[in-house]
Amino acid sequence: MNQSKPVPSPCVDICALDSNDVCIGCRRTAIEIGRWWEMTDEEKRKVLKEITVRETAK
């Protein structure tokens, strides 16, 4: 990932939370979605890595 560009939102416009409060579209938690625009790029990159883990755990 290019560290100099802003980190884009992983939103795919499928916005619904599952029973674990994780979006079925982007796989972010409700808290991560709410904080996304306040997060630093470093925090966003960490969330993107966690999303990858959630995807494989489906």
Protein backbone atom coordinates (compact mmCIF):
# COMPACT_ATOMS: atom_id res chain seq x y z
CA MET A 1 0.00 0.00 0.00
CA ASN A 2 1.27 3.46 -0.85
CA GLN A 3 1.81 5.24 2.46
CA SER A 4 1.59 8.74 0.92
CA LYS A 5 -1.97 8.55 -0.47
CA PRO A 6 -5.03 8.87 1.77
CA VAL A 7 -6.61 5.54 2.65
CA PRO A 8 -9.98 5.17 0.89
CA SER A 9 -13.05 3.87 2.65
CA PRO A 10 -13.75 0.18 2.07
CA CYS A 11 -17.50 0.91 1.85
CA VAL A 12 -19.26 -0.96 -0.97
CA ASP A 13 -22.72 0.59 -0.38
CA ILE A 14 -24.12 -2.57 1.19
CA CYS A 15 -24.79 -1.21 4.65
CA ALA A 16 -26.25 -3.73 7.08
CA LEU A 17 -24.86 -5.00 10.35
CA ASP A 18 -24.87 -8.68 11.23
CA SER A 19 -25.51 -10.06 14.72
CA ASN A 20 -21.90 -9.27 15.68
CA ASP A 21 -22.24 -5.57 14.70
CA VAL A 22 -20.07 -6.10 11.61
CA CYS A 23 -21.17 -4.67 8.26
CA ILE A 24 -21.96 -7.41 5.75
CA GLY A 25 -20.66 -5.19 2.94
CA CYS A 26 -17.34 -3.77 4.09
CA ARG A 27 -16.73 -6.02 7.14
CA ARG A 28 -16.02 -3.06 9.45
CA THR A 29 -17.54 -2.93 12.92
CA ALA A 30 -20.13 -0.28 13.70
CA ILE A 31 -17.51 1.55 15.79
CA GLU A 32 -14.97 1.48 12.95
CA ILE A 33 -17.56 2.84 10.52
CA GLY A 34 -18.46 5.65 12.90
CA ARG A 35 -14.86 6.62 13.52
CA TRP A 36 -13.52 6.15 9.96
CA TRP A 37 -13.32 9.85 9.06
CA GLU A 38 -11.62 10.67 12.38
CA MET A 39 -8.99 7.92 12.08
CA THR A 40 -5.43 8.50 11.00
CA ASP A 41 -4.26 6.73 7.85
CA GLU A 42 -2.27 4.38 10.08
CA GLU A 43 -5.43 3.45 12.00
CA LYS A 44 -7.31 2.94 8.72
CA ARG A 45 -4.61 0.62 7.42
CA LYS A 46 -4.87 -1.41 10.61
CA VAL A 47 -8.64 -1.71 10.14
CA LEU A 48 -8.13 -2.83 6.52
CA LYS A 49 -5.82 -5.59 7.76
CA GLU A 50 -8.41 -6.63 10.33
CA ILE A 51 -11.07 -6.71 7.60
CA THR A 52 -8.91 -9.21 5.70
CA VAL A 53 -8.83 -11.43 8.79
CA ARG A 54 -12.61 -11.16 9.18
CA GLU A 55 -13.08 -12.09 5.53
CA THR A 56 -11.11 -15.30 5.95
CA ALA A 57 -12.99 -16.15 9.16
CA LYS A 58 -16.44 -15.99 7.48
